[in-house]
C-alpha atoms as a PDB file:
ATOM      1  CA  MET A   1     -45.982 133.622 -71.652  1.00  0.00           C
ATOM      2  CA  GLY A   2     -47.041 136.754 -69.915  1.00  0.00           C
ATOM      3  CA  ALA A   3     -46.986 137.690 -66.243  1.00  0.00           C
ATOM      4  CA  ILE A   4     -49.696 136.460 -63.974  1.00  0.00           C
ATOM      5  CA  ILE A   5     -51.777 139.159 -62.194  1.00  0.00           C
ATOM      6  CA  ASP A   6     -54.684 138.171 -60.015  1.00  0.00           C
ATOM      7  CA  ASN A   7     -54.571 134.627 -61.579  1.00  0.00           C
ATOM      8  CA  VAL A   8     -54.928 136.004 -65.023  1.00  0.00           C
ATOM      9  CA  LEU A   9     -52.249 135.997 -67.688  1.00  0.00           C
ATOM     10  CA  VAL A  10     -51.589 139.633 -69.055  1.00  0.00           C
ATOM     11  CA  SER A  11     -51.772 137.955 -72.502  1.00  0.00           C
ATOM     12  CA  ASP A  12     -55.254 136.776 -71.968  1.00  0.00           C
ATOM     13  CA  LYS A  13     -58.004 138.976 -73.497  1.00  0.00           C
ATOM     14  CA  ALA A  14     -61.781 139.698 -73.113  1.00  0.00           C
ATOM     15  CA  ASN A  15     -63.686 137.398 -75.468  1.00  0.00           C
ATOM     16  CA  LEU A  16     -65.109 140.470 -77.199  1.00  0.00           C
ATOM     17  CA  ASP A  17     -61.554 141.585 -78.155  1.00  0.00           C
ATOM     18  CA  VAL A  18     -60.979 138.075 -79.622  1.00  0.00           C
ATOM     19  CA  PHE A  19     -64.338 138.328 -81.389  1.00  0.00           C
ATOM     20  CA  SER A  20     -63.205 141.675 -83.009  1.00  0.00           C
ATOM     21  CA  GLY A  21     -59.833 140.321 -84.027  1.00  0.00           C
ATOM     22  CA  THR A  22     -61.112 137.106 -85.366  1.00  0.00           C
ATOM     23  CA  LEU A  23     -63.765 139.028 -87.453  1.00  0.00           C
ATOM     24  CA  GLN A  24     -61.079 141.325 -88.874  1.00  0.00           C
ATOM     25  CA  ASN A  25     -59.092 138.270 -89.926  1.00  0.00           C
ATOM     26  CA  LEU A  26     -62.009 136.657 -91.616  1.00  0.00           C
ATOM     27  CA  ALA A  27     -63.057 139.927 -93.373  1.00  0.00           C
ATOM     28  CA  GLU A  28     -59.606 140.300 -94.963  1.00  0.00           C
ATOM     29  CA  LEU A  29     -60.327 137.164 -96.904  1.00  0.00           C
ATOM     30  CA  ASP A  30     -64.072 137.498 -97.416  1.00  0.00           C
ATOM     31  CA  ARG A  31     -65.693 140.760 -98.491  1.00  0.00           C
ATOM     32  CA  ASP A  32     -69.155 139.316 -97.878  1.00  0.00           C
ATOM     33  CA  ILE A  33     -68.582 139.592 -94.062  1.00  0.00           C
ATOM     34  CA  VAL A  34     -70.651 142.523 -92.971  1.00  0.00           C
ATOM     35  CA  VAL A  35     -71.190 143.873 -89.429  1.00  0.00           C
ATOM     36  CA  VAL A  36     -74.379 145.674 -88.397  1.00  0.00           C
ATOM     37  CA  THR A  37     -74.296 147.493 -85.155  1.00  0.00           C
ATOM     38  CA  SER A  38     -76.581 149.622 -83.109  1.00  0.00           C
ATOM     39  CA  ASP A  39     -74.269 152.382 -81.747  1.00  0.00           C
ATOM     40  CA  SER A  40     -71.977 149.703 -80.308  1.00  0.00           C
ATOM     41  CA  ARG A  41     -68.664 150.250 -82.005  1.00  0.00           C
ATOM     42  CA  GLY A  42     -66.984 151.073 -78.811  1.00  0.00           C
ATOM     43  CA  SER A  43     -68.605 148.550 -76.437  1.00  0.00           C
ATOM     44  CA  GLY A  44     -68.422 145.911 -79.170  1.00  0.00           C
ATOM     45  CA  LYS A  45     -64.690 146.517 -79.862  1.00  0.00           C
ATOM     46  CA  LEU A  46     -65.562 147.335 -83.449  1.00  0.00           C
ATOM     47  CA  GLY A  47     -63.573 150.458 -83.847  1.00  0.00           C
ATOM     48  CA  PRO A  48     -60.627 148.765 -85.558  1.00  0.00           C
ATOM     49  CA  PHE A  49     -62.972 146.765 -87.819  1.00  0.00           C
ATOM     50  CA  GLY A  50     -64.748 149.961 -88.939  1.00  0.00           C
ATOM     51  CA  GLN A  51     -61.345 151.641 -89.676  1.00  0.00           C
ATOM     52  CA  LYS A  52     -60.112 148.784 -91.739  1.00  0.00           C
ATOM     53  CA  PHE A  53     -63.376 147.858 -93.433  1.00  0.00           C
ATOM     54  CA  PRO A  54     -65.555 150.987 -93.657  1.00  0.00           C
ATOM     55  CA  ALA A  55     -67.516 149.500 -96.484  1.00  0.00           C
ATOM     56  CA  GLN A  56     -68.318 146.305 -94.440  1.00  0.00           C
ATOM     57  CA  ILE A  57     -69.940 147.939 -91.396  1.00  0.00           C
ATOM     58  CA  VAL A  58     -73.541 149.404 -91.076  1.00  0.00           C
ATOM     59  CA  GLU A  59     -74.357 151.745 -88.193  1.00  0.00           C
ATOM     60  CA  ILE A  60     -78.024 151.649 -87.441  1.00  0.00           C
ATOM     61  CA  GLY A  61     -78.045 153.609 -84.293  1.00  0.00           C
ATOM     62  CA  ILE A  62     -79.955 152.816 -81.146  1.00  0.00           C
ATOM     63  CA  ALA A  63     -82.662 150.859 -82.923  1.00  0.00           C
ATOM     64  CA  GLU A  64     -82.280 147.205 -82.209  1.00  0.00           C
ATOM     65  CA  GLN A  65     -85.379 146.090 -84.133  1.00  0.00           C
ATOM     66  CA  ASN A  66     -84.076 147.814 -87.278  1.00  0.00           C
ATOM     67  CA  LEU A  67     -80.716 146.310 -86.625  1.00  0.00           C
ATOM     68  CA  VAL A  68     -82.151 142.755 -86.835  1.00  0.00           C
ATOM     69  CA  GLY A  69     -84.321 143.540 -89.856  1.00  0.00           C
ATOM     70  CA  VAL A  70     -81.513 145.099 -91.782  1.00  0.00           C
ATOM     71  CA  ALA A  71     -79.208 142.188 -90.797  1.00  0.00           C
ATOM     72  CA  ALA A  72     -81.807 139.626 -91.999  1.00  0.00           C
ATOM     73  CA  GLY A  73     -82.276 141.468 -95.378  1.00  0.00           C
ATOM     74  CA  LEU A  74     -78.484 141.562 -96.047  1.00  0.00           C
ATOM     75  CA  ALA A  75     -78.234 137.984 -95.029  1.00  0.00           C
ATOM     76  CA  SER A  76     -81.095 137.062 -97.499  1.00  0.00           C
ATOM     77  CA  ALA A  77     -78.943 138.771-100.196  1.00  0.00           C
ATOM     78  CA  GLY A  78     -76.048 136.484 -99.556  1.00  0.00           C
ATOM     79  CA  LYS A  79     -73.996 138.510 -97.057  1.00  0.00           C
ATOM     80  CA  LYS A  80     -72.374 136.927 -94.081  1.00  0.00           C
ATOM     81  CA  VAL A  81     -73.852 139.238 -91.360  1.00  0.00           C
ATOM     82  CA  PHE A  82     -72.849 139.752 -87.698  1.00  0.00           C
ATOM     83  CA  ALA A  83     -75.461 141.880 -85.855  1.00  0.00           C
ATOM     84  CA  VAL A  84     -73.806 143.322 -82.718  1.00  0.00           C
ATOM     85  CA  SER A  85     -75.756 144.868 -79.920  1.00  0.00           C
ATOM     86  CA  PRO A  86     -76.020 144.645 -76.151  1.00  0.00           C
ATOM     87  CA  ALA A  87     -77.540 141.435 -75.203  1.00  0.00           C
ATOM     88  CA  CYS A  88     -80.189 142.907 -72.869  1.00  0.00           C
ATOM     89  CA  PHE A  89     -81.750 144.933 -75.685  1.00  0.00           C
ATOM     90  CA  LEU A  90     -81.042 142.618 -78.624  1.00  0.00           C
ATOM     91  CA  THR A  91     -82.882 139.634 -77.042  1.00  0.00           C
ATOM     92  CA  ALA A  92     -85.796 141.623 -75.557  1.00  0.00           C
ATOM     93  CA  ARG A  93     -86.574 144.733 -77.841  1.00  0.00           C
ATOM     94  CA  ALA A  94     -85.836 142.860 -80.994  1.00  0.00           C
ATOM     95  CA  LEU A  95     -87.151 139.456 -80.046  1.00  0.00           C
ATOM     96  CA  GLU A  96     -89.985 139.502 -82.591  1.00  0.00           C
ATOM     97  CA  GLN A  97     -87.500 140.326 -85.365  1.00  0.00           C
ATOM     98  CA  ILE A  98     -85.163 137.503 -84.212  1.00  0.00           C
ATOM     99  CA  LYS A  99     -88.016 135.072 -84.172  1.00  0.00           C
ATOM    100  CA  ASN A 100     -89.587 136.080 -87.522  1.00  0.00           C
ATOM    101  CA  ASP A 101     -86.942 137.759 -89.732  1.00  0.00           C
ATOM    102  CA  VAL A 102     -84.089 135.559 -88.728  1.00  0.00           C
ATOM    103  CA  ALA A 103     -85.178 132.188 -87.344  1.00  0.00           C
ATOM    104  CA  TYR A 104     -88.539 131.652 -89.136  1.00  0.00           C
ATOM    105  CA  SER A 105     -87.237 133.164 -92.422  1.00  0.00           C
ATOM    106  CA  ASP A 106     -83.995 131.084 -92.025  1.00  0.00           C
ATOM    107  CA  ASN A 107     -81.760 133.974 -92.619  1.00  0.00           C
ATOM    108  CA  PRO A 108     -78.325 132.998 -91.313  1.00  0.00           C
ATOM    109  CA  VAL A 109     -77.552 136.168 -89.272  1.00  0.00           C
ATOM    110  CA  LYS A 110     -74.963 135.744 -86.407  1.00  0.00           C
ATOM    111  CA  LEU A 111     -76.608 137.722 -83.514  1.00  0.00           C
ATOM    112  CA  ILE A 112     -73.845 138.836 -81.180  1.00  0.00           C
ATOM    113  CA  GLY A 113     -75.048 139.744 -77.641  1.00  0.00           C
ATOM    114  CA  ILE A 114     -72.413 141.883 -76.007  1.00  0.00           C
ATOM    115  CA  SER A 115     -71.966 142.918 -72.360  1.00  0.00           C
ATOM    116  CA  ALA A 116     -74.144 139.863 -71.508  1.00  0.00           C
ATOM    117  CA  GLY A 117     -75.241 138.467 -68.179  1.00  0.00           C
ATOM    118  CA  VAL A 118     -74.411 140.873 -65.454  1.00  0.00           C
ATOM    119  CA  SER A 119     -71.416 142.535 -67.320  1.00  0.00           C
ATOM    120  CA  TYR A 120     -72.984 145.978 -67.032  1.00  0.00           C
ATOM    121  CA  GLY A 121     -72.671 145.676 -63.189  1.00  0.00           C
ATOM    122  CA  ALA A 122     -73.827 148.745 -61.418  1.00  0.00           C
ATOM    123  CA  LEU A 123     -76.239 149.765 -64.278  1.00  0.00           C
ATOM    124  CA  GLY A 124     -78.417 147.170 -62.893  1.00  0.00           C
ATOM    125  CA  THR A 125     -81.439 144.997 -63.810  1.00  0.00           C
ATOM    126  CA  THR A 126     -82.463 147.099 -66.869  1.00  0.00           C
ATOM    127  CA  HIS A 127     -79.095 146.268 -68.398  1.00  0.00           C
ATOM    128  CA  HIS A 128     -78.634 142.728 -67.352  1.00  0.00           C
ATOM    129  CA  SER A 129     -79.476 139.930 -69.791  1.00  0.00           C
ATOM    130  CA  LEU A 130     -80.493 137.023 -67.567  1.00  0.00           C
ATOM    131  CA  HIS A 131     -83.411 135.971 -69.938  1.00  0.00           C
ATOM    132  CA  ASP A 132     -81.664 135.426 -73.224  1.00  0.00           C
ATOM    133  CA  PHE A 133     -81.031 131.737 -73.045  1.00  0.00           C
ATOM    134  CA  ALA A 134     -84.580 131.153 -71.895  1.00  0.00           C
ATOM    135  CA  VAL A 135     -86.341 133.117 -74.655  1.00  0.00           C
ATOM    136  CA  LEU A 136     -84.067 131.912 -77.435  1.00  0.00           C
ATOM    137  CA  ARG A 137     -84.252 128.241 -76.334  1.00  0.00           C
ATOM    138  CA  ALA A 138     -87.993 128.555 -77.065  1.00  0.00           C
ATOM    139  CA  VAL A 139     -87.381 129.859 -80.675  1.00  0.00           C
ATOM    140  CA  ASN A 140     -86.973 127.282 -83.390  1.00  0.00           C
ATOM    141  CA  ASN A 141     -84.050 127.299 -85.760  1.00  0.00           C
ATOM    142  CA  ILE A 142     -81.306 129.213 -83.770  1.00  0.00           C
ATOM    143  CA  THR A 143     -78.192 127.915 -82.122  1.00  0.00           C
ATOM    144  CA  VAL A 144     -77.310 129.496 -78.775  1.00  0.00           C
ATOM    145  CA  VAL A 145     -73.785 129.641 -77.773  1.00  0.00           C
ATOM    146  CA  ALA A 146     -71.738 131.192 -74.859  1.00  0.00           C
ATOM    147  CA  PRO A 147     -67.967 130.647 -75.300  1.00  0.00           C
ATOM    148  CA  ALA A 148     -65.961 130.328 -72.084  1.00  0.00           C
ATOM    149  CA  ASP A 149     -62.507 131.638 -73.145  1.00  0.00           C
ATOM    150  CA  ASN A 150     -60.528 133.079 -75.919  1.00  0.00           C
ATOM    151  CA  PHE A 151     -59.958 129.709 -77.679  1.00  0.00           C
ATOM    152  CA  GLU A 152     -63.710 128.903 -77.758  1.00  0.00           C
ATOM    153  CA  THR A 153     -64.496 132.451 -78.912  1.00  0.00           C
ATOM    154  CA  GLU A 154     -62.063 132.314 -81.872  1.00  0.00           C
ATOM    155  CA  GLN A 155     -63.326 128.890 -82.931  1.00  0.00           C
ATOM    156  CA  ALA A 156     -67.089 129.819 -82.478  1.00  0.00           C
ATOM    157  CA  ILE A 157     -66.839 132.937 -84.630  1.00  0.00           C
ATOM    158  CA  ALA A 158     -64.732 131.230 -87.336  1.00  0.00           C
ATOM    159  CA  GLN A 159     -67.231 128.294 -87.460  1.00  0.00           C
ATOM    160  CA  ALA A 160     -70.314 130.459 -87.330  1.00  0.00           C
ATOM    161  CA  ALA A 161     -69.089 132.632 -90.171  1.00  0.00           C
ATOM    162  CA  ASN A 162     -69.190 129.639 -92.424  1.00  0.00           C
ATOM    163  CA  SER A 163     -72.486 128.331 -91.300  1.00  0.00           C
ATOM    164  CA  ASN A 164     -75.796 128.984 -93.228  1.00  0.00           C
ATOM    165  CA  HIS A 165     -77.654 128.744 -89.887  1.00  0.00           C
ATOM    166  CA  PRO A 166     -78.860 131.567 -87.486  1.00  0.00           C
ATOM    167  CA  PHE A 167     -76.782 131.829 -84.328  1.00  0.00           C
ATOM    168  CA  TYR A 168     -76.848 133.772 -81.084  1.00  0.00           C
ATOM    169  CA  LEU A 169     -73.425 134.144 -79.485  1.00  0.00           C
ATOM    170  CA  ARG A 170     -73.069 135.767 -76.104  1.00  0.00           C
ATOM    171  CA  PHE A 171     -70.104 137.604 -74.730  1.00  0.00           C
ATOM    172  CA  GLY A 172     -69.232 139.447 -71.446  1.00  0.00           C
ATOM    173  CA  LYS A 173     -66.634 142.169 -70.905  1.00  0.00           C
ATOM    174  CA  LYS A 174     -64.026 140.863 -68.602  1.00  0.00           C
ATOM    175  CA  VAL A 175     -60.627 139.235 -69.535  1.00  0.00           C
ATOM    176  CA  MET A 176     -61.034 135.473 -69.578  1.00  0.00           C
ATOM    177  CA  PRO A 177     -58.229 133.129 -68.652  1.00  0.00           C
ATOM    178  CA  ALA A 178     -57.395 130.294 -70.937  1.00  0.00           C
ATOM    179  CA  LEU A 179     -58.894 126.952 -69.724  1.00  0.00           C
ATOM    180  CA  PRO A 180     -56.813 123.784 -69.878  1.00  0.00           C
ATOM    181  CA  THR A 181     -56.861 121.946 -73.138  1.00  0.00           C
ATOM    182  CA  ASP A 182     -54.850 118.867 -72.192  1.00  0.00           C
ATOM    183  CA  ILE A 183     -58.113 116.736 -72.160  1.00  0.00           C
ATOM    184  CA  ASP A 184     -59.983 118.334 -75.050  1.00  0.00           C
ATOM    185  CA  ASN A 185     -58.343 120.828 -77.414  1.00  0.00           C
ATOM    186  CA  SER A 186     -61.082 120.773 -79.963  1.00  0.00           C
ATOM    187  CA  PHE A 187     -64.238 122.853 -80.456  1.00  0.00           C
ATOM    188  CA  SER A 188     -67.407 121.963 -82.214  1.00  0.00           C
ATOM    189  CA  PHE A 189     -70.830 123.315 -81.689  1.00  0.00           C
ATOM    190  CA  VAL A 190     -73.175 120.914 -79.873  1.00  0.00           C
ATOM    191  CA  LYS A 191     -70.190 119.163 -78.259  1.00  0.00           C
ATOM    192  CA  GLY A 192     -69.348 120.206 -74.693  1.00  0.00           C
ATOM    193  CA  ARG A 193     -65.763 120.388 -73.848  1.00  0.00           C
ATOM    194  CA  ILE A 194     -64.320 118.475 -70.797  1.00  0.00           C
ATOM    195  CA  ILE A 195     -61.978 120.889 -69.043  1.00  0.00           C
ATOM    196  CA  ARG A 196     -61.119 118.546 -66.091  1.00  0.00           C
ATOM    197  CA  GLU A 197     -61.982 114.971 -65.221  1.00  0.00           C
ATOM    198  CA  GLY A 198     -62.950 113.697 -61.718  1.00  0.00           C
ATOM    199  CA  LYS A 199     -64.834 110.692 -60.096  1.00  0.00           C
ATOM    200  CA  ASP A 200     -66.942 112.486 -57.435  1.00  0.00           C
ATOM    201  CA  LEU A 201     -69.197 114.858 -59.167  1.00  0.00           C
ATOM    202  CA  THR A 202     -69.637 116.958 -62.358  1.00  0.00           C
ATOM    203  CA  ILE A 203     -69.789 120.721 -62.600  1.00  0.00           C
ATOM    204  CA  ILE A 204     -71.248 122.088 -65.925  1.00  0.00           C
ATOM    205  CA  GLY A 205     -70.667 125.833 -66.764  1.00  0.00           C
ATOM    206  CA  THR A 206     -71.264 128.024 -69.645  1.00  0.00           C
ATOM    207  CA  GLY A 207     -69.683 131.149 -70.664  1.00  0.00           C
ATOM    208  CA  GLU A 208     -67.921 133.076 -68.054  1.00  0.00           C
ATOM    209  CA  THR A 209     -69.035 130.745 -65.257  1.00  0.00           C
ATOM    210  CA  VAL A 210     -66.763 127.989 -66.545  1.00  0.00           C
ATOM    211  CA  TYR A 211     -63.526 129.501 -65.117  1.00  0.00           C
ATOM    212  CA  PRO A 212     -64.814 129.783 -61.549  1.00  0.00           C
ATOM    213  CA  ALA A 213     -66.257 126.224 -61.841  1.00  0.00           C
ATOM    214  CA  TRP A 214     -62.696 125.139 -62.756  1.00  0.00           C
ATOM    215  CA  GLN A 215     -61.263 127.065 -59.916  1.00  0.00           C
ATOM    216  CA  ALA A 216     -63.754 125.490 -57.602  1.00  0.00           C
ATOM    217  CA  ALA A 217     -62.835 121.955 -58.809  1.00  0.00           C
ATOM    218  CA  GLU A 218     -59.124 122.747 -58.172  1.00  0.00           C
ATOM    219  CA  LYS A 219     -59.955 123.912 -54.672  1.00  0.00           C
ATOM    220  CA  LEU A 220     -62.064 120.835 -53.973  1.00  0.00           C
ATOM    221  CA  GLU A 221     -59.211 118.637 -54.748  1.00  0.00           C
ATOM    222  CA  GLN A 222     -56.552 120.571 -53.007  1.00  0.00           C
ATOM    223  CA  ASP A 223     -58.480 121.072 -49.818  1.00  0.00           C
ATOM    224  CA  TYR A 224     -60.764 118.027 -49.608  1.00  0.00           C
ATOM    225  CA  ASN A 225     -59.352 115.324 -51.969  1.00  0.00           C
ATOM    226  CA  ILE A 226     -62.701 115.595 -53.950  1.00  0.00           C
ATOM    227  CA  GLN A 227     -62.418 115.258 -57.679  1.00  0.00           C
ATOM    228  CA  ALA A 228     -64.728 116.916 -59.993  1.00  0.00           C
ATOM    229  CA  THR A 229     -65.275 116.796 -63.714  1.00  0.00           C
ATOM    230  CA  VAL A 230     -65.679 120.300 -65.288  1.00  0.00           C
ATOM    231  CA  ILE A 231     -67.489 120.769 -68.587  1.00  0.00           C
ATOM    232  CA  SER A 232     -67.739 123.856 -70.699  1.00  0.00           C
ATOM    233  CA  MET A 233     -71.260 123.481 -72.243  1.00  0.00           C
ATOM    234  CA  HIS A 234     -70.678 126.380 -74.646  1.00  0.00           C
ATOM    235  CA  THR A 235     -73.679 125.373 -76.855  1.00  0.00           C
ATOM    236  CA  ILE A 236     -76.860 125.870 -74.817  1.00  0.00           C
ATOM    237  CA  LYS A 237     -79.107 124.896 -77.732  1.00  0.00           C
ATOM    238  CA  PRO A 238     -78.870 122.251 -79.015  1.00  0.00           C
ATOM    239  CA  LEU A 239     -77.399 120.643 -75.938  1.00  0.00           C
ATOM    240  CA  ASP A 240     -74.782 117.850 -75.893  1.00  0.00           C
ATOM    241  CA  TYR A 241     -77.127 115.206 -74.602  1.00  0.00           C
ATOM    242  CA  GLU A 242     -74.654 112.425 -75.330  1.00  0.00           C
ATOM    243  CA  LEU A 243     -72.136 113.977 -72.940  1.00  0.00           C
ATOM    244  CA  LEU A 244     -74.790 114.812 -70.376  1.00  0.00           C
ATOM    245  CA  ALA A 245     -75.967 111.110 -70.417  1.00  0.00           C
ATOM    246  CA  ARG A 246     -72.500 109.954 -70.073  1.00  0.00           C
ATOM    247  CA  VAL A 247     -71.710 111.857 -66.868  1.00  0.00           C
ATOM    248  CA  ALA A 248     -75.226 111.177 -65.499  1.00  0.00           C
ATOM    249  CA  ALA A 249     -74.658 107.442 -65.955  1.00  0.00           C
ATOM    250  CA  THR A 250     -71.968 107.553 -63.187  1.00  0.00           C
ATOM    251  CA  GLY A 251     -74.832 108.404 -60.731  1.00  0.00           C
ATOM    252  CA  LYS A 252     -72.776 111.151 -59.261  1.00  0.00           C
ATOM    253  CA  PRO A 253     -74.093 114.632 -58.377  1.00  0.00           C
ATOM    254  CA  ILE A 254     -74.286 117.259 -61.183  1.00  0.00           C
ATOM    255  CA  ILE A 255     -74.218 121.043 -60.613  1.00  0.00           C
ATOM    256  CA  THR A 256     -74.877 123.575 -63.382  1.00  0.00           C
ATOM    257  CA  VAL A 257     -73.590 127.046 -63.164  1.00  0.00           C
ATOM    258  CA  GLU A 258     -74.745 129.934 -65.335  1.00  0.00           C
ATOM    259  CA  GLU A 259     -74.764 133.737 -65.487  1.00  0.00           C
ATOM    260  CA  HIS A 260     -78.472 133.681 -66.231  1.00  0.00           C
ATOM    261  CA  SER A 261     -81.731 133.267 -64.367  1.00  0.00           C
ATOM    262  CA  VAL A 262     -82.216 129.882 -62.729  1.00  0.00           C
ATOM    263  CA  TYR A 263     -85.364 129.670 -64.953  1.00  0.00           C
ATOM    264  CA  GLY A 264     -85.116 128.479 -68.574  1.00  0.00           C
ATOM    265  CA  GLY A 265     -81.368 128.268 -69.111  1.00  0.00           C
ATOM    266  CA  LEU A 266     -78.677 125.735 -68.966  1.00  0.00           C
ATOM    267  CA  GLY A 267     -79.761 124.137 -65.662  1.00  0.00           C
ATOM    268  CA  GLU A 268     -83.279 123.608 -66.621  1.00  0.00           C
ATOM    269  CA  ALA A 269     -82.311 122.317 -70.057  1.00  0.00           C
ATOM    270  CA  CYS A 270     -80.148 119.692 -68.415  1.00  0.00           C
ATOM    271  CA  ALA A 271     -82.724 118.902 -65.649  1.00  0.00           C
ATOM    272  CA  SER A 272     -85.320 118.370 -68.429  1.00  0.00           C
ATOM    273  CA  PHE A 273     -83.234 115.882 -70.323  1.00  0.00           C
ATOM    274  CA  LEU A 274     -82.073 114.008 -67.139  1.00  0.00           C
ATOM    275  CA  LEU A 275     -85.525 113.451 -65.684  1.00  0.00           C
ATOM    276  CA  GLN A 276     -87.191 112.539 -69.010  1.00  0.00           C
ATOM    277  CA  HIS A 277     -84.435 109.904 -69.495  1.00  0.00           C
ATOM    278  CA  ASN A 278     -84.678 108.429 -66.044  1.00  0.00           C
ATOM    279  CA  TYR A 279     -81.580 109.801 -64.574  1.00  0.00           C
ATOM    280  CA  HIS A 280     -81.981 110.737 -60.873  1.00  0.00           C
ATOM    281  CA  ASN A 281     -78.592 112.156 -59.944  1.00  0.00           C
ATOM    282  CA  PRO A 282     -78.375 114.585 -57.099  1.00  0.00           C
ATOM    283  CA  PHE A 283     -78.824 117.908 -59.009  1.00  0.00           C
ATOM    284  CA  LYS A 284     -78.347 121.702 -58.374  1.00  0.00           C
ATOM    285  CA  ILE A 285     -78.909 124.713 -60.614  1.00  0.00           C
ATOM    286  CA  MET A 286     -76.678 127.691 -59.752  1.00  0.00           C
ATOM    287  CA  GLY A 287     -77.577 130.959 -61.269  1.00  0.00           C
ATOM    288  CA  ILE A 288     -79.380 134.177 -60.519  1.00  0.00           C
ATOM    289  CA  PRO A 289     -82.604 133.624 -58.404  1.00  0.00           C
ATOM    290  CA  ASP A 290     -85.992 135.141 -59.365  1.00  0.00           C
ATOM    291  CA  GLU A 291     -85.318 138.629 -58.041  1.00  0.00           C
ATOM    292  CA  TYR A 292     -83.849 141.975 -59.196  1.00  0.00           C
ATOM    293  CA  THR A 293     -80.149 141.619 -58.663  1.00  0.00           C
ATOM    294  CA  VAL A 294     -78.077 143.340 -56.039  1.00  0.00           C
ATOM    295  CA  THR A 295     -76.145 146.344 -57.317  1.00  0.00           C
ATOM    296  CA  GLY A 296     -72.488 145.965 -57.821  1.00  0.00           C
ATOM    297  CA  SER A 297     -69.718 144.883 -60.204  1.00  0.00           C
ATOM    298  CA  GLN A 298     -69.961 141.650 -62.073  1.00  0.00           C
ATOM    299  CA  ASN A 299     -67.495 139.985 -59.526  1.00  0.00           C
ATOM    300  CA  GLU A 300     -69.561 141.357 -56.633  1.00  0.00           C
ATOM    301  CA  ILE A 301     -72.749 139.923 -58.097  1.00  0.00           C
ATOM    302  CA  PHE A 302     -71.047 136.681 -58.765  1.00  0.00           C
ATOM    303  CA  ASN A 303     -69.839 136.534 -55.124  1.00  0.00           C
ATOM    304  CA  HIS A 304     -73.206 137.463 -53.683  1.00  0.00           C
ATOM    305  CA  TYR A 305     -75.039 134.736 -55.507  1.00  0.00           C
ATOM    306  CA  GLY A 306     -72.369 132.137 -55.018  1.00  0.00           C
ATOM    307  CA  LEU A 307     -71.100 131.968 -58.679  1.00  0.00           C
ATOM    308  CA  SER A 308     -67.511 132.146 -57.485  1.00  0.00           C
ATOM    309  CA  GLU A 309     -64.792 129.662 -56.671  1.00  0.00           C
ATOM    310  CA  SER A 310     -65.716 129.408 -52.963  1.00  0.00           C
ATOM    311  CA  GLY A 311     -69.459 129.575 -53.660  1.00  0.00           C
ATOM    312  CA  ILE A 312     -69.413 126.665 -56.160  1.00  0.00           C
ATOM    313  CA  ALA A 313     -67.011 124.655 -53.934  1.00  0.00           C
ATOM    314  CA  ASP A 314     -69.379 125.157 -50.965  1.00  0.00           C
ATOM    315  CA  THR A 315     -72.424 123.950 -53.128  1.00  0.00           C
ATOM    316  CA  ALA A 316     -70.381 120.934 -54.194  1.00  0.00           C
ATOM    317  CA  LEU A 317     -69.608 120.003 -50.509  1.00  0.00           C
ATOM    318  CA  LYS A 318     -73.322 120.363 -49.532  1.00  0.00           C
ATOM    319  CA  ILE A 319     -74.542 118.214 -52.413  1.00  0.00           C
ATOM    320  CA  LEU A 320     -71.999 115.543 -51.692  1.00  0.00           C
ATOM    321  CA  LYS A 321     -72.994 115.588 -47.948  1.00  0.00           C
ATOM    322  CA  GLN A 322     -76.714 115.299 -48.800  1.00  0.00           C
ATOM    323  CA  LYS A 323     -75.859 112.285 -51.099  1.00  0.00           C
ATOM    324  CA  HIS A 324     -74.343 110.440 -48.089  1.00  0.00           C
END
């Protein structure tokens, strides 16, 4: 076990590093695995892959629409294709190609959105991807996934590589601490992972918001004797409705936390299910409001919008107070 610095083990890695390492391991055994990238070798951590497997990587350049079209063509010919590009451009500029060439044509491309959410920090709104869950939830025949830590990332890439189905997998930049696995040490698409169990409320996160949600739950118990269930809802579409119904059946408050617009993402997916199935739990969506974000680092943006340990804990206290 490594040393702990700022609550992060030095052995923990950014999910993108785990993505790259897992892909290299898979490519050693399967020459059909091909990476297509849009000038993203560096930011996508693909340098080592390109050095080891120069015949299994295609550089398209800054041309995301071409990237998706080429990836779809290779997939239609039997290759196991990972198309790697910044999430903000991949899911906006190339949306038509994702919709038609990948999803509608049922080409099993694995679309990898890198530097997602507000990972680009001070580069600002042009580089943030706060729309990707929303637009891809509205496209038929694509699974949308945001792994929370290194374990989920490794499992997601390995399982997606062996699937004949289109995927969108979203990754940020920062080092992600390992989440507890004592309750659930398994990973399966469409099955949310219970990180922590509690009797007073449920906090559902996805991707890089799961860790601050877990931190908030720890703080709530230590400071206020409030016990919160924390769920990593890594698969946004299709959602784990069975797990959602189970926590809703308790009648306790539910908070969703996402590095995405409050419109169209995890929170609204959960709210739609709950309301249409007659669950009326106190409910709060935490995410980025309908505005151009403040300028700052990812952590500064998280803190500004309350997507932090203290912000999530404060929201939990408010919703519990309203309930009573």
